[in-house]
All heavy atoms as atom14 arrays in JSON, in Angstrom:
{
  "sequence": "MVLSLVTIGGYLYIDHGAKAYICDKGSARKYHLSDKCPALKNCKDHFV",
  "atom14_mask": [
    [1, 1, 1, 1, 1, 1, 1, 1, 0, 0, 0, 0, 0, 0],
    [1, 1, 1, 1, 1, 1, 1, 0, 0, 0, 0, 0, 0, 0],
    [1, 1, 1, 1, 1, 1, 1, 1, 0, 0, 0, 0, 0, 0],
    [1, 1, 1, 1, 1, 1, 0, 0, 0, 0, 0, 0, 0, 0],
    [1, 1, 1, 1, 1, 1, 1, 1, 0, 0, 0, 0, 0, 0],
    [1, 1, 1, 1, 1, 1, 1, 0, 0, 0, 0, 0, 0, 0],
    [1, 1, 1, 1, 1, 1, 1, 0, 0, 0, 0, 0, 0, 0],
    [1, 1, 1, 1, 1, 1, 1, 1, 0, 0, 0, 0, 0, 0],
    [1, 1, 1, 1, 0, 0, 0, 0, 0, 0, 0, 0, 0, 0],
    [1, 1, 1, 1, 0, 0, 0, 0, 0, 0, 0, 0, 0, 0],
    [1, 1, 1, 1, 1, 1, 1, 1, 1, 1, 1, 1, 0, 0],
    [1, 1, 1, 1, 1, 1, 1, 1, 0, 0, 0, 0, 0, 0],
    [1, 1, 1, 1, 1, 1, 1, 1, 1, 1, 1, 1, 0, 0],
    [1, 1, 1, 1, 1, 1, 1, 1, 0, 0, 0, 0, 0, 0],
    [1, 1, 1, 1, 1, 1, 1, 1, 0, 0, 0, 0, 0, 0],
    [1, 1, 1, 1, 1, 1, 1, 1, 1, 1, 0, 0, 0, 0],
    [1, 1, 1, 1, 0, 0, 0, 0, 0, 0, 0, 0, 0, 0],
    [1, 1, 1, 1, 1, 0, 0, 0, 0, 0, 0, 0, 0, 0],
    [1, 1, 1, 1, 1, 1, 1, 1, 1, 0, 0, 0, 0, 0],
    [1, 1, 1, 1, 1, 0, 0, 0, 0, 0, 0, 0, 0, 0],
    [1, 1, 1, 1, 1, 1, 1, 1, 1, 1, 1, 1, 0, 0],
    [1, 1, 1, 1, 1, 1, 1, 1, 0, 0, 0, 0, 0, 0],
    [1, 1, 1, 1, 1, 1, 0, 0, 0, 0, 0, 0, 0, 0],
    [1, 1, 1, 1, 1, 1, 1, 1, 0, 0, 0, 0, 0, 0],
    [1, 1, 1, 1, 1, 1, 1, 1, 1, 0, 0, 0, 0, 0],
    [1, 1, 1, 1, 0, 0, 0, 0, 0, 0, 0, 0, 0, 0],
    [1, 1, 1, 1, 1, 1, 0, 0, 0, 0, 0, 0, 0, 0],
    [1, 1, 1, 1, 1, 0, 0, 0, 0, 0, 0, 0, 0, 0],
    [1, 1, 1, 1, 1, 1, 1, 1, 1, 1, 1, 0, 0, 0],
    [1, 1, 1, 1, 1, 1, 1, 1, 1, 0, 0, 0, 0, 0],
    [1, 1, 1, 1, 1, 1, 1, 1, 1, 1, 1, 1, 0, 0],
    [1, 1, 1, 1, 1, 1, 1, 1, 1, 1, 0, 0, 0, 0],
    [1, 1, 1, 1, 1, 1, 1, 1, 0, 0, 0, 0, 0, 0],
    [1, 1, 1, 1, 1, 1, 0, 0, 0, 0, 0, 0, 0, 0],
    [1, 1, 1, 1, 1, 1, 1, 1, 0, 0, 0, 0, 0, 0],
    [1, 1, 1, 1, 1, 1, 1, 1, 1, 0, 0, 0, 0, 0],
    [1, 1, 1, 1, 1, 1, 0, 0, 0, 0, 0, 0, 0, 0],
    [1, 1, 1, 1, 1, 1, 1, 0, 0, 0, 0, 0, 0, 0],
    [1, 1, 1, 1, 1, 0, 0, 0, 0, 0, 0, 0, 0, 0],
    [1, 1, 1, 1, 1, 1, 1, 1, 0, 0, 0, 0, 0, 0],
    [1, 1, 1, 1, 1, 1, 1, 1, 1, 0, 0, 0, 0, 0],
    [1, 1, 1, 1, 1, 1, 1, 1, 0, 0, 0, 0, 0, 0],
    [1, 1, 1, 1, 1, 1, 0, 0, 0, 0, 0, 0, 0, 0],
    [1, 1, 1, 1, 1, 1, 1, 1, 1, 0, 0, 0, 0, 0],
    [1, 1, 1, 1, 1, 1, 1, 1, 0, 0, 0, 0, 0, 0],
    [1, 1, 1, 1, 1, 1, 1, 1, 1, 1, 0, 0, 0, 0],
    [1, 1, 1, 1, 1, 1, 1, 1, 1, 1, 1, 0, 0, 0],
    [1, 1, 1, 1, 1, 1, 1, 0, 0, 0, 0, 0, 0, 0]
  ],
  "atom14_positions": [
    [[-14.48, 28.8, -20.54], [-15.45, 28.26, -19.57], [-14.75, 27.0, -18.86], [-14.78, 26.93, -17.67], [-16.72, 27.9, -20.17], [-17.59, 29.08, -20.64], [-19.08, 28.54, -21.46], [-19.88, 27.78, -20.08], [0.0, 0.0, 0.0], [0.0, 0.0, 0.0], [0.0, 0.0, 0.0], [0.0, 0.0, 0.0], [0.0, 0.0, 0.0], [0.0, 0.0, 0.0]],
    [[-14.12, 26.12, -19.69], [-13.46, 24.99, -19.12], [-12.37, 25.36, -18.15], [-12.2, 24.91, -17.1], [-12.91, 24.11, -20.25], [-12.08, 22.94, -19.64], [-14.07, 23.55, -21.03], [0.0, 0.0, 0.0], [0.0, 0.0, 0.0], [0.0, 0.0, 0.0], [0.0, 0.0, 0.0], [0.0, 0.0, 0.0], [0.0, 0.0, 0.0], [0.0, 0.0, 0.0]],
    [[-11.56, 26.42, -18.55], [-10.37, 26.83, -17.72], [-10.95, 27.39, -16.45], [-10.34, 27.2, -15.35], [-9.52, 27.9, -18.54], [-8.33, 28.46, -17.76], [-7.42, 27.32, -17.42], [-7.77, 29.51, -18.68], [0.0, 0.0, 0.0], [0.0, 0.0, 0.0], [0.0, 0.0, 0.0], [0.0, 0.0, 0.0], [0.0, 0.0, 0.0], [0.0, 0.0, 0.0]],
    [[-11.95, 28.16, -16.48], [-12.56, 28.77, -15.34], [-13.0, 27.71, -14.35], [-12.78, 27.8, -13.14], [-13.71, 29.75, -15.64], [-13.24, 30.73, -16.54], [0.0, 0.0, 0.0], [0.0, 0.0, 0.0], [0.0, 0.0, 0.0], [0.0, 0.0, 0.0], [0.0, 0.0, 0.0], [0.0, 0.0, 0.0], [0.0, 0.0, 0.0], [0.0, 0.0, 0.0]],
    [[-13.71, 26.73, -14.87], [-14.22, 25.65, -14.05], [-13.11, 24.86, -13.35], [-13.18, 24.5, -12.16], [-15.06, 24.69, -14.84], [-16.41, 25.33, -15.32], [-17.11, 24.34, -16.28], [-17.39, 25.57, -14.14], [0.0, 0.0, 0.0], [0.0, 0.0, 0.0], [0.0, 0.0, 0.0], [0.0, 0.0, 0.0], [0.0, 0.0, 0.0], [0.0, 0.0, 0.0]],
    [[-12.04, 24.58, -14.17], [-10.86, 23.93, -13.55], [-10.17, 24.69, -12.5], [-9.87, 24.19, -11.42], [-9.83, 23.56, -14.68], [-8.53, 23.04, -14.03], [-10.47, 22.55, -15.59], [0.0, 0.0, 0.0], [0.0, 0.0, 0.0], [0.0, 0.0, 0.0], [0.0, 0.0, 0.0], [0.0, 0.0, 0.0], [0.0, 0.0, 0.0], [0.0, 0.0, 0.0]],
    [[-10.04, 25.98, -12.72], [-9.45, 26.87, -11.72], [-10.25, 27.0, -10.42], [-9.72, 26.87, -9.33], [-9.24, 28.28, -12.32], [-8.42, 28.2, -13.53], [-8.52, 29.15, -11.31], [0.0, 0.0, 0.0], [0.0, 0.0, 0.0], [0.0, 0.0, 0.0], [0.0, 0.0, 0.0], [0.0, 0.0, 0.0], [0.0, 0.0, 0.0], [0.0, 0.0, 0.0]],
    [[-11.59, 27.14, -10.67], [-12.5, 27.28, -9.42], [-12.46, 25.88, -8.71], [-12.4, 25.85, -7.47], [-13.87, 27.66, -9.9], [-13.77, 29.04, -10.4], [-14.88, 27.54, -8.74], [-15.2, 29.5, -11.11], [0.0, 0.0, 0.0], [0.0, 0.0, 0.0], [0.0, 0.0, 0.0], [0.0, 0.0, 0.0], [0.0, 0.0, 0.0], [0.0, 0.0, 0.0]],
    [[-12.6, 24.81, -9.46], [-12.61, 23.48, -8.85], [-11.33, 23.25, -8.12], [-11.35, 22.73, -6.9], [0.0, 0.0, 0.0], [0.0, 0.0, 0.0], [0.0, 0.0, 0.0], [0.0, 0.0, 0.0], [0.0, 0.0, 0.0], [0.0, 0.0, 0.0], [0.0, 0.0, 0.0], [0.0, 0.0, 0.0], [0.0, 0.0, 0.0], [0.0, 0.0, 0.0]],
    [[-10.25, 23.57, -8.66], [-8.89, 23.32, -7.97], [-8.87, 24.16, -6.7], [-8.39, 23.75, -5.72], [0.0, 0.0, 0.0], [0.0, 0.0, 0.0], [0.0, 0.0, 0.0], [0.0, 0.0, 0.0], [0.0, 0.0, 0.0], [0.0, 0.0, 0.0], [0.0, 0.0, 0.0], [0.0, 0.0, 0.0], [0.0, 0.0, 0.0], [0.0, 0.0, 0.0]],
    [[-9.33, 25.39, -6.75], [-9.33, 26.21, -5.57], [-10.13, 25.58, -4.44], [-9.79, 25.63, -3.29], [-9.81, 27.59, -5.94], [-9.85, 28.57, -4.71], [-8.78, 29.22, -4.31], [-11.08, 28.83, -4.15], [-8.75, 30.03, -3.26], [-11.16, 29.68, -3.0], [-9.96, 30.29, -2.64], [-10.08, 31.14, -1.52], [0.0, 0.0, 0.0], [0.0, 0.0, 0.0]],
    [[-11.38, 25.15, -4.79], [-12.27, 24.59, -3.77], [-11.71, 23.37, -3.12], [-11.99, 23.12, -1.87], [-13.62, 24.27, -4.39], [-14.45, 25.44, -4.9], [-15.7, 24.96, -5.55], [-14.88, 26.42, -3.7], [0.0, 0.0, 0.0], [0.0, 0.0, 0.0], [0.0, 0.0, 0.0], [0.0, 0.0, 0.0], [0.0, 0.0, 0.0], [0.0, 0.0, 0.0]],
    [[-10.91, 22.55, -3.86], [-10.36, 21.36, -3.22], [-9.01, 21.54, -2.51], [-8.38, 20.61, -2.11], [-10.21, 20.25, -4.3], [-11.58, 19.63, -4.66], [-12.31, 20.13, -5.72], [-12.11, 18.67, -3.84], [-13.57, 19.52, -5.9], [-13.3, 18.08, -4.06], [-14.02, 18.5, -5.14], [-15.33, 17.99, -5.5], [0.0, 0.0, 0.0], [0.0, 0.0, 0.0]],
    [[-8.45, 22.76, -2.46], [-7.23, 22.99, -1.8], [-7.48, 23.07, -0.32], [-8.41, 23.72, 0.22], [-6.59, 24.39, -2.24], [-6.16, 24.18, -3.68], [-5.41, 24.71, -1.39], [-5.59, 25.45, -4.28], [0.0, 0.0, 0.0], [0.0, 0.0, 0.0], [0.0, 0.0, 0.0], [0.0, 0.0, 0.0], [0.0, 0.0, 0.0], [0.0, 0.0, 0.0]],
    [[-6.57, 22.35, 0.44], [-6.67, 22.37, 1.92], [-5.96, 23.71, 2.42], [-4.71, 23.82, 2.3], [-5.95, 21.15, 2.55], [-5.97, 21.14, 4.04], [-6.61, 22.05, 4.62], [-5.45, 20.17, 4.59], [0.0, 0.0, 0.0], [0.0, 0.0, 0.0], [0.0, 0.0, 0.0], [0.0, 0.0, 0.0], [0.0, 0.0, 0.0], [0.0, 0.0, 0.0]],
    [[-6.73, 24.62, 2.88], [-6.18, 25.96, 3.2], [-5.3, 25.94, 4.49], [-4.66, 26.9, 4.79], [-7.31, 27.03, 3.3], [-7.86, 27.42, 1.96], [-8.46, 26.57, 1.16], [-7.72, 28.64, 1.2], [-8.86, 27.17, 0.09], [-8.33, 28.33, 0.11], [0.0, 0.0, 0.0], [0.0, 0.0, 0.0], [0.0, 0.0, 0.0], [0.0, 0.0, 0.0]],
    [[-5.31, 24.83, 5.11], [-4.5, 24.69, 6.3], [-3.19, 23.97, 5.95], [-2.3, 23.78, 6.89], [0.0, 0.0, 0.0], [0.0, 0.0, 0.0], [0.0, 0.0, 0.0], [0.0, 0.0, 0.0], [0.0, 0.0, 0.0], [0.0, 0.0, 0.0], [0.0, 0.0, 0.0], [0.0, 0.0, 0.0], [0.0, 0.0, 0.0], [0.0, 0.0, 0.0]],
    [[-2.97, 23.63, 4.72], [-1.74, 22.88, 4.34], [-0.6, 23.82, 4.12], [-0.74, 25.1, 4.18], [-2.07, 22.14, 2.97], [0.0, 0.0, 0.0], [0.0, 0.0, 0.0], [0.0, 0.0, 0.0], [0.0, 0.0, 0.0], [0.0, 0.0, 0.0], [0.0, 0.0, 0.0], [0.0, 0.0, 0.0], [0.0, 0.0, 0.0], [0.0, 0.0, 0.0]],
    [[0.57, 23.28, 4.02], [1.81, 24.09, 3.87], [1.81, 24.81, 2.59], [1.25, 24.4, 1.52], [3.01, 23.17, 3.92], [3.17, 22.47, 5.3], [4.48, 21.55, 5.22], [4.64, 20.84, 6.6], [5.78, 19.97, 6.61], [0.0, 0.0, 0.0], [0.0, 0.0, 0.0], [0.0, 0.0, 0.0], [0.0, 0.0, 0.0], [0.0, 0.0, 0.0]],
    [[2.42, 25.91, 2.62], [2.74, 26.79, 1.4], [4.14, 27.31, 1.45], [4.66, 27.49, 2.6], [1.62, 27.85, 1.31], [0.0, 0.0, 0.0], [0.0, 0.0, 0.0], [0.0, 0.0, 0.0], [0.0, 0.0, 0.0], [0.0, 0.0, 0.0], [0.0, 0.0, 0.0], [0.0, 0.0, 0.0], [0.0, 0.0, 0.0], [0.0, 0.0, 0.0]],
    [[4.65, 27.57, 0.31], [6.04, 28.19, 0.26], [6.01, 29.46, -0.43], [5.35, 29.63, -1.53], [6.96, 27.14, -0.41], [6.95, 25.81, 0.27], [6.11, 24.9, 0.01], [7.94, 25.6, 1.27], [6.05, 23.63, 0.66], [7.95, 24.33, 1.95], [6.97, 23.4, 1.66], [6.99, 22.14, 2.23], [0.0, 0.0, 0.0], [0.0, 0.0, 0.0]],
    [[6.76, 30.46, 0.04], [6.77, 31.76, -0.52], [8.25, 32.22, -0.69], [9.02, 31.94, 0.18], [6.12, 32.81, 0.38], [4.61, 32.4, 0.58], [6.19, 34.21, -0.26], [3.92, 33.28, 1.52], [0.0, 0.0, 0.0], [0.0, 0.0, 0.0], [0.0, 0.0, 0.0], [0.0, 0.0, 0.0], [0.0, 0.0, 0.0], [0.0, 0.0, 0.0]],
    [[8.52, 32.79, -1.77], [9.88, 33.27, -2.06], [10.18, 34.39, -1.11], [9.33, 35.32, -0.91], [9.96, 33.78, -3.51], [11.62, 34.17, -4.0], [0.0, 0.0, 0.0], [0.0, 0.0, 0.0], [0.0, 0.0, 0.0], [0.0, 0.0, 0.0], [0.0, 0.0, 0.0], [0.0, 0.0, 0.0], [0.0, 0.0, 0.0], [0.0, 0.0, 0.0]],
    [[11.36, 34.31, -0.48], [11.71, 35.37, 0.58], [12.17, 36.58, -0.02], [13.26, 36.99, 0.14], [12.73, 34.72, 1.52], [12.87, 35.56, 2.74], [12.01, 36.46, 2.95], [13.9, 35.47, 3.4], [0.0, 0.0, 0.0], [0.0, 0.0, 0.0], [0.0, 0.0, 0.0], [0.0, 0.0, 0.0], [0.0, 0.0, 0.0], [0.0, 0.0, 0.0]],
    [[11.29, 37.22, -0.87], [11.54, 38.55, -1.47], [10.34, 39.37, -1.22], [9.16, 38.96, -1.36], [11.84, 38.4, -2.97], [13.21, 37.64, -3.24], [13.34, 37.59, -4.79], [14.72, 36.87, -5.11], [14.97, 36.88, -6.6], [0.0, 0.0, 0.0], [0.0, 0.0, 0.0], [0.0, 0.0, 0.0], [0.0, 0.0, 0.0], [0.0, 0.0, 0.0]],
    [[10.53, 40.64, -1.09], [9.49, 41.55, -0.86], [8.48, 41.64, -1.99], [7.33, 41.98, -1.87], [0.0, 0.0, 0.0], [0.0, 0.0, 0.0], [0.0, 0.0, 0.0], [0.0, 0.0, 0.0], [0.0, 0.0, 0.0], [0.0, 0.0, 0.0], [0.0, 0.0, 0.0], [0.0, 0.0, 0.0], [0.0, 0.0, 0.0], [0.0, 0.0, 0.0]],
    [[9.02, 41.4, -3.18], [8.11, 41.54, -4.41], [7.34, 40.22, -4.7], [6.62, 40.22, -5.7], [8.97, 41.93, -5.58], [9.97, 40.91, -5.87], [0.0, 0.0, 0.0], [0.0, 0.0, 0.0], [0.0, 0.0, 0.0], [0.0, 0.0, 0.0], [0.0, 0.0, 0.0], [0.0, 0.0, 0.0], [0.0, 0.0, 0.0], [0.0, 0.0, 0.0]],
    [[7.54, 39.23, -3.98], [6.87, 37.97, -4.34], [5.36, 38.11, -4.19], [4.88, 38.57, -3.14], [7.41, 36.8, -3.43], [0.0, 0.0, 0.0], [0.0, 0.0, 0.0], [0.0, 0.0, 0.0], [0.0, 0.0, 0.0], [0.0, 0.0, 0.0], [0.0, 0.0, 0.0], [0.0, 0.0, 0.0], [0.0, 0.0, 0.0], [0.0, 0.0, 0.0]],
    [[4.65, 37.57, -5.16], [3.16, 37.72, -5.14], [2.38, 36.39, -5.22], [1.21, 36.31, -5.13], [2.61, 38.67, -6.27], [3.05, 40.02, -6.15], [2.64, 40.86, -7.36], [3.27, 40.4, -8.6], [3.07, 40.91, -9.83], [2.12, 41.83, -9.94], [3.72, 40.44, -10.87], [0.0, 0.0, 0.0], [0.0, 0.0, 0.0], [0.0, 0.0, 0.0]],
    [[3.17, 35.31, -5.29], [2.61, 33.95, -5.37], [2.97, 33.08, -4.27], [4.04, 33.25, -3.65], [3.06, 33.3, -6.74], [2.67, 34.06, -7.99], [1.17, 34.05, -8.22], [0.83, 34.83, -9.56], [-0.63, 34.75, -9.81], [0.0, 0.0, 0.0], [0.0, 0.0, 0.0], [0.0, 0.0, 0.0], [0.0, 0.0, 0.0], [0.0, 0.0, 0.0]],
    [[2.18, 32.1, -3.92], [2.58, 30.98, -3.05], [2.58, 29.72, -3.7], [1.92, 29.54, -4.75], [1.66, 31.05, -1.75], [0.25, 30.56, -2.0], [-0.08, 29.18, -1.99], [-0.72, 31.48, -2.18], [-1.42, 28.74, -2.18], [-2.06, 31.07, -2.41], [-2.34, 29.71, -2.39], [-3.67, 29.29, -2.54], [0.0, 0.0, 0.0], [0.0, 0.0, 0.0]],
    [[3.32, 28.7, -3.24], [3.48, 27.5, -3.98], [3.14, 26.3, -3.03], [3.43, 26.41, -1.82], [4.98, 27.44, -4.45], [5.42, 28.56, -5.14], [5.35, 28.78, -6.51], [5.98, 29.85, -4.61], [5.8, 29.95, -6.85], [6.21, 30.65, -5.73], [0.0, 0.0, 0.0], [0.0, 0.0, 0.0], [0.0, 0.0, 0.0], [0.0, 0.0, 0.0]],
    [[2.66, 25.22, -3.56], [2.22, 24.07, -2.8], [3.41, 23.13, -2.5], [3.28, 22.26, -1.67], [1.1, 23.4, -3.49], [-0.17, 24.19, -3.71], [-1.25, 23.29, -4.37], [-0.77, 24.82, -2.46], [0.0, 0.0, 0.0], [0.0, 0.0, 0.0], [0.0, 0.0, 0.0], [0.0, 0.0, 0.0], [0.0, 0.0, 0.0], [0.0, 0.0, 0.0]],
    [[4.49, 23.3, -3.3], [5.57, 22.41, -3.14], [6.91, 23.2, -3.19], [7.01, 24.17, -3.91], [5.61, 21.29, -4.24], [6.77, 20.56, -4.18], [0.0, 0.0, 0.0], [0.0, 0.0, 0.0], [0.0, 0.0, 0.0], [0.0, 0.0, 0.0], [0.0, 0.0, 0.0], [0.0, 0.0, 0.0], [0.0, 0.0, 0.0], [0.0, 0.0, 0.0]],
    [[7.89, 22.7, -2.38], [9.11, 23.43, -2.42], [9.93, 23.09, -3.69], [11.04, 23.6, -3.9], [10.03, 23.1, -1.17], [10.24, 21.68, -1.0], [9.62, 20.81, -1.86], [10.89, 21.24, -0.04], [0.0, 0.0, 0.0], [0.0, 0.0, 0.0], [0.0, 0.0, 0.0], [0.0, 0.0, 0.0], [0.0, 0.0, 0.0], [0.0, 0.0, 0.0]],
    [[9.43, 22.08, -4.42], [9.97, 21.7, -5.72], [9.45, 22.43, -6.97], [9.71, 22.13, -8.02], [9.78, 20.13, -5.92], [10.32, 19.34, -4.79], [11.79, 19.48, -4.58], [12.3, 18.48, -3.49], [13.73, 18.64, -3.25], [0.0, 0.0, 0.0], [0.0, 0.0, 0.0], [0.0, 0.0, 0.0], [0.0, 0.0, 0.0], [0.0, 0.0, 0.0]],
    [[8.47, 23.42, -6.67], [7.83, 24.2, -7.74], [8.9, 24.89, -8.58], [9.84, 25.52, -8.13], [6.88, 25.16, -7.21], [6.02, 26.19, -8.48], [0.0, 0.0, 0.0], [0.0, 0.0, 0.0], [0.0, 0.0, 0.0], [0.0, 0.0, 0.0], [0.0, 0.0, 0.0], [0.0, 0.0, 0.0], [0.0, 0.0, 0.0], [0.0, 0.0, 0.0]],
    [[8.89, 24.7, -9.93], [9.82, 25.37, -10.78], [9.95, 26.81, -10.64], [11.03, 27.39, -10.85], [9.31, 24.97, -12.24], [8.47, 23.79, -12.04], [7.82, 23.91, -10.67], [0.0, 0.0, 0.0], [0.0, 0.0, 0.0], [0.0, 0.0, 0.0], [0.0, 0.0, 0.0], [0.0, 0.0, 0.0], [0.0, 0.0, 0.0], [0.0, 0.0, 0.0]],
    [[8.84, 27.5, -10.24], [8.9, 28.99, -10.05], [9.75, 29.36, -8.89], [10.29, 30.56, -8.85], [7.58, 29.42, -9.86], [0.0, 0.0, 0.0], [0.0, 0.0, 0.0], [0.0, 0.0, 0.0], [0.0, 0.0, 0.0], [0.0, 0.0, 0.0], [0.0, 0.0, 0.0], [0.0, 0.0, 0.0], [0.0, 0.0, 0.0], [0.0, 0.0, 0.0]],
    [[10.15, 28.44, -7.96], [10.92, 28.76, -6.87], [12.44, 28.76, -7.16], [13.27, 29.11, -6.31], [10.68, 27.82, -5.66], [9.31, 27.99, -4.92], [9.13, 26.92, -3.95], [9.24, 29.43, -4.3], [0.0, 0.0, 0.0], [0.0, 0.0, 0.0], [0.0, 0.0, 0.0], [0.0, 0.0, 0.0], [0.0, 0.0, 0.0], [0.0, 0.0, 0.0]],
    [[12.85, 28.35, -8.34], [14.22, 28.21, -8.69], [14.88, 29.6, -8.73], [16.06, 29.77, -8.49], [14.38, 27.58, -10.07], [13.96, 26.09, -10.15], [14.19, 25.5, -11.51], [13.93, 24.04, -11.55], [14.04, 23.46, -12.86], [0.0, 0.0, 0.0], [0.0, 0.0, 0.0], [0.0, 0.0, 0.0], [0.0, 0.0, 0.0], [0.0, 0.0, 0.0]],
    [[14.0, 30.63, -8.98], [14.59, 31.99, -9.12], [14.91, 32.5, -7.7], [15.65, 33.48, -7.51], [13.59, 32.96, -9.75], [13.38, 32.54, -11.21], [14.23, 32.09, -11.9], [12.14, 32.87, -11.61], [0.0, 0.0, 0.0], [0.0, 0.0, 0.0], [0.0, 0.0, 0.0], [0.0, 0.0, 0.0], [0.0, 0.0, 0.0], [0.0, 0.0, 0.0]],
    [[14.45, 31.83, -6.61], [14.7, 32.32, -5.28], [16.02, 31.79, -4.78], [16.54, 32.29, -3.77], [13.57, 31.85, -4.34], [12.0, 32.71, -4.6], [0.0, 0.0, 0.0], [0.0, 0.0, 0.0], [0.0, 0.0, 0.0], [0.0, 0.0, 0.0], [0.0, 0.0, 0.0], [0.0, 0.0, 0.0], [0.0, 0.0, 0.0], [0.0, 0.0, 0.0]],
    [[16.56, 30.71, -5.36], [17.85, 30.14, -5.05], [17.82, 29.76, -3.54], [18.67, 30.08, -2.78], [19.0, 31.11, -5.32], [19.19, 31.54, -6.72], [20.25, 32.56, -6.9], [20.54, 32.92, -8.43], [21.52, 33.92, -8.64], [0.0, 0.0, 0.0], [0.0, 0.0, 0.0], [0.0, 0.0, 0.0], [0.0, 0.0, 0.0], [0.0, 0.0, 0.0]],
    [[16.78, 29.02, -3.32], [16.55, 28.39, -1.91], [16.21, 29.38, -0.84], [16.17, 29.03, 0.34], [17.8, 27.58, -1.51], [17.98, 26.38, -2.39], [16.99, 25.86, -2.92], [19.19, 25.98, -2.59], [0.0, 0.0, 0.0], [0.0, 0.0, 0.0], [0.0, 0.0, 0.0], [0.0, 0.0, 0.0], [0.0, 0.0, 0.0], [0.0, 0.0, 0.0]],
    [[15.96, 30.67, -1.28], [15.63, 31.65, -0.3], [14.04, 31.78, -0.27], [13.44, 32.62, -0.73], [16.19, 33.0, -0.66], [17.71, 33.0, -0.67], [18.46, 32.86, 0.58], [18.66, 33.12, -1.6], [19.77, 32.92, 0.26], [19.89, 33.02, -1.03], [0.0, 0.0, 0.0], [0.0, 0.0, 0.0], [0.0, 0.0, 0.0], [0.0, 0.0, 0.0]],
    [[13.38, 30.81, 0.29], [12.0, 30.75, 0.38], [11.62, 30.33, 1.88], [12.38, 29.7, 2.5], [11.27, 29.88, -0.61], [11.75, 28.49, -0.66], [11.22, 27.52, 0.23], [12.76, 28.03, -1.52], [11.67, 26.18, 0.15], [13.19, 26.74, -1.59], [12.71, 25.87, -0.68], [0.0, 0.0, 0.0], [0.0, 0.0, 0.0], [0.0, 0.0, 0.0]],
    [[10.41, 30.68, 2.22], [9.99, 30.43, 3.64], [8.71, 29.55, 3.51], [7.99, 29.65, 2.56], [9.73, 31.71, 4.45], [10.97, 32.45, 4.6], [8.66, 32.6, 3.65], [0.0, 0.0, 0.0], [0.0, 0.0, 0.0], [0.0, 0.0, 0.0], [0.0, 0.0, 0.0], [0.0, 0.0, 0.0], [0.0, 0.0, 0.0], [0.0, 0.0, 0.0]]
  ]
}
């Protein structure tokens, strides 16, 4: 329940007009709020 509330609360406070970063691969399913996100390391700077 706590995890669900945190997730929902975090989603509600996100500015949906803000910048997002996506790995420039066809199989990418996530977006990131920062270009420094550890998950983008696998893209080797190939993100948009």
